[in-house]
Amino acid sequence: MNMPQGQGNLDAMKAEMIFVADLFNKMSEMCFKKCVPRFHDGDLNTGEPVVCADRCVGKYVEATNKVGEVMQQLQQGQAPQ
């Protein structure tokens, strides 16, 4: 059975949304565990945990982008650089 093109696009968008949500949840959990070992007060203060979280998120996004680039190159039959 052929699926209308609009339905295929909708399914692709749903899959992308699920992927992004999963990526965000994994990143949040990993960076939280790494950067917030315990709670001292209810306010988010500037300092070590904030800097750690910023760096953690940056590294996670950078690594995810690099993996995506390599996967795309492999799918296109190119050797990763």
C-alpha atoms as a PDB file:
ATOM      1  CA  MET A   1       0.000   0.000   0.000  1.00  0.00           C
ATOM      2  CA  ASN A   2       1.349   3.429  -0.917  1.00  0.00           C
ATOM      3  CA  MET A   3       1.303   6.084   1.756  1.00  0.00           C
ATOM      4  CA  PRO A   4       0.462   9.654   0.700  1.00  0.00           C
ATOM      5  CA  GLN A   5       3.550  11.882   0.715  1.00  0.00           C
ATOM      6  CA  GLY A   6       2.011  14.188   3.328  1.00  0.00           C
ATOM      7  CA  GLN A   7       1.570  11.275   5.733  1.00  0.00           C
ATOM      8  CA  GLY A   8       5.189  10.223   5.201  1.00  0.00           C
ATOM      9  CA  ASN A   9       6.357  13.753   5.994  1.00  0.00           C
ATOM     10  CA  LEU A  10       4.174  13.811   9.100  1.00  0.00           C
ATOM     11  CA  ASP A  11       5.597  10.492  10.273  1.00  0.00           C
ATOM     12  CA  ALA A  12       9.141  11.773   9.674  1.00  0.00           C
ATOM     13  CA  MET A  13       8.406  14.929  11.697  1.00  0.00           C
ATOM     14  CA  LYS A  14       6.950  12.854  14.547  1.00  0.00           C
ATOM     15  CA  ALA A  15      10.021  10.610  14.554  1.00  0.00           C
ATOM     16  CA  GLU A  16      12.275  13.683  14.596  1.00  0.00           C
ATOM     17  CA  MET A  17      10.335  15.174  17.522  1.00  0.00           C
ATOM     18  CA  ILE A  18      10.643  11.920  19.469  1.00  0.00           C
ATOM     19  CA  PHE A  19      14.380  11.803  18.724  1.00  0.00           C
ATOM     20  CA  VAL A  20      14.922  15.406  19.855  1.00  0.00           C
ATOM     21  CA  ALA A  21      12.872  14.898  23.032  1.00  0.00           C
ATOM     22  CA  ASP A  22      14.832  11.742  23.856  1.00  0.00           C
ATOM     23  CA  LEU A  23      18.119  13.529  23.170  1.00  0.00           C
ATOM     24  CA  PHE A  24      17.098  16.422  25.426  1.00  0.00           C
ATOM     25  CA  ASN A  25      16.026  14.072  28.234  1.00  0.00           C
ATOM     26  CA  LYS A  26      19.278  12.088  28.091  1.00  0.00           C
ATOM     27  CA  MET A  27      21.361  15.266  28.003  1.00  0.00           C
ATOM     28  CA  SER A  28      19.437  16.782  30.916  1.00  0.00           C
ATOM     29  CA  GLU A  29      19.807  13.661  33.037  1.00  0.00           C
ATOM     30  CA  MET A  30      23.501  13.221  32.277  1.00  0.00           C
ATOM     31  CA  CYS A  31      24.430  16.876  32.858  1.00  0.00           C
ATOM     32  CA  PHE A  32      22.287  17.100  36.001  1.00  0.00           C
ATOM     33  CA  LYS A  33      23.973  14.045  37.525  1.00  0.00           C
ATOM     34  CA  LYS A  34      27.393  15.410  36.634  1.00  0.00           C
ATOM     35  CA  CYS A  35      26.900  19.046  37.627  1.00  0.00           C
ATOM     36  CA  VAL A  36      24.395  18.998  40.493  1.00  0.00           C
ATOM     37  CA  PRO A  37      25.667  16.443  43.004  1.00  0.00           C
ATOM     38  CA  ARG A  38      23.547  17.813  45.872  1.00  0.00           C
ATOM     39  CA  PHE A  39      21.192  20.661  46.672  1.00  0.00           C
ATOM     40  CA  HIS A  40      22.198  23.437  49.063  1.00  0.00           C
ATOM     41  CA  ASP A  41      19.371  25.907  48.471  1.00  0.00           C
ATOM     42  CA  GLY A  42      16.410  26.380  46.185  1.00  0.00           C
ATOM     43  CA  ASP A  43      17.892  29.165  44.053  1.00  0.00           C
ATOM     44  CA  LEU A  44      20.076  28.654  41.017  1.00  0.00           C
ATOM     45  CA  ASN A  45      23.207  30.606  41.800  1.00  0.00           C
ATOM     46  CA  THR A  46      25.829  31.604  39.298  1.00  0.00           C
ATOM     47  CA  GLY A  47      28.950  29.623  39.826  1.00  0.00           C
ATOM     48  CA  GLU A  48      30.353  26.179  39.414  1.00  0.00           C
ATOM     49  CA  PRO A  49      27.133  24.187  38.714  1.00  0.00           C
ATOM     50  CA  VAL A  50      25.980  26.708  36.104  1.00  0.00           C
ATOM     51  CA  VAL A  51      29.344  26.738  34.322  1.00  0.00           C
ATOM     52  CA  CYS A  52      29.493  22.945  34.484  1.00  0.00           C
ATOM     53  CA  ALA A  53      25.985  22.607  33.029  1.00  0.00           C
ATOM     54  CA  ASP A  54      26.766  25.069  30.236  1.00  0.00           C
ATOM     55  CA  ARG A  55      29.917  23.193  29.276  1.00  0.00           C
ATOM     56  CA  CYS A  56      28.205  19.815  29.573  1.00  0.00           C
ATOM     57  CA  VAL A  57      25.351  20.833  27.278  1.00  0.00           C
ATOM     58  CA  GLY A  58      27.784  22.355  24.780  1.00  0.00           C
ATOM     59  CA  LYS A  59      29.899  19.212  24.656  1.00  0.00           C
ATOM     60  CA  TYR A  60      26.841  16.955  24.388  1.00  0.00           C
ATOM     61  CA  VAL A  61      25.410  18.968  21.485  1.00  0.00           C
ATOM     62  CA  GLU A  62      28.797  19.092  19.751  1.00  0.00           C
ATOM     63  CA  ALA A  63      29.267  15.331  20.096  1.00  0.00           C
ATOM     64  CA  THR A  64      25.736  14.642  18.872  1.00  0.00           C
ATOM     65  CA  ASN A  65      26.280  16.858  15.830  1.00  0.00           C
ATOM     66  CA  LYS A  66      29.570  15.121  15.034  1.00  0.00           C
ATOM     67  CA  VAL A  67      27.952  11.677  15.281  1.00  0.00           C
ATOM     68  CA  GLY A  68      25.154  12.883  12.996  1.00  0.00           C
ATOM     69  CA  GLU A  69      27.676  14.142  10.431  1.00  0.00           C
ATOM     70  CA  VAL A  70      29.563  10.831  10.451  1.00  0.00           C
ATOM     71  CA  MET A  71      26.330   8.853  10.121  1.00  0.00           C
ATOM     72  CA  GLN A  72      25.283  11.005   7.176  1.00  0.00           C
ATOM     73  CA  GLN A  73      28.656  10.500   5.488  1.00  0.00           C
ATOM     74  CA  LEU A  74      28.394   6.746   5.991  1.00  0.00           C
ATOM     75  CA  GLN A  75      24.897   6.703   4.491  1.00  0.00           C
ATOM     76  CA  GLN A  76      26.194   8.595   1.463  1.00  0.00           C
ATOM     77  CA  GLY A  77      29.044   6.121   1.052  1.00  0.00           C
ATOM     78  CA  GLN A  78      31.764   8.580   2.014  1.00  0.00           C
ATOM     79  CA  ALA A  79      34.570   7.898   4.454  1.00  0.00           C
ATOM     80  CA  PRO A  80      34.209   9.927   7.682  1.00  0.00           C
ATOM     81  CA  GLN A  81      36.721  12.744   8.007  1.00  0.00           C
END
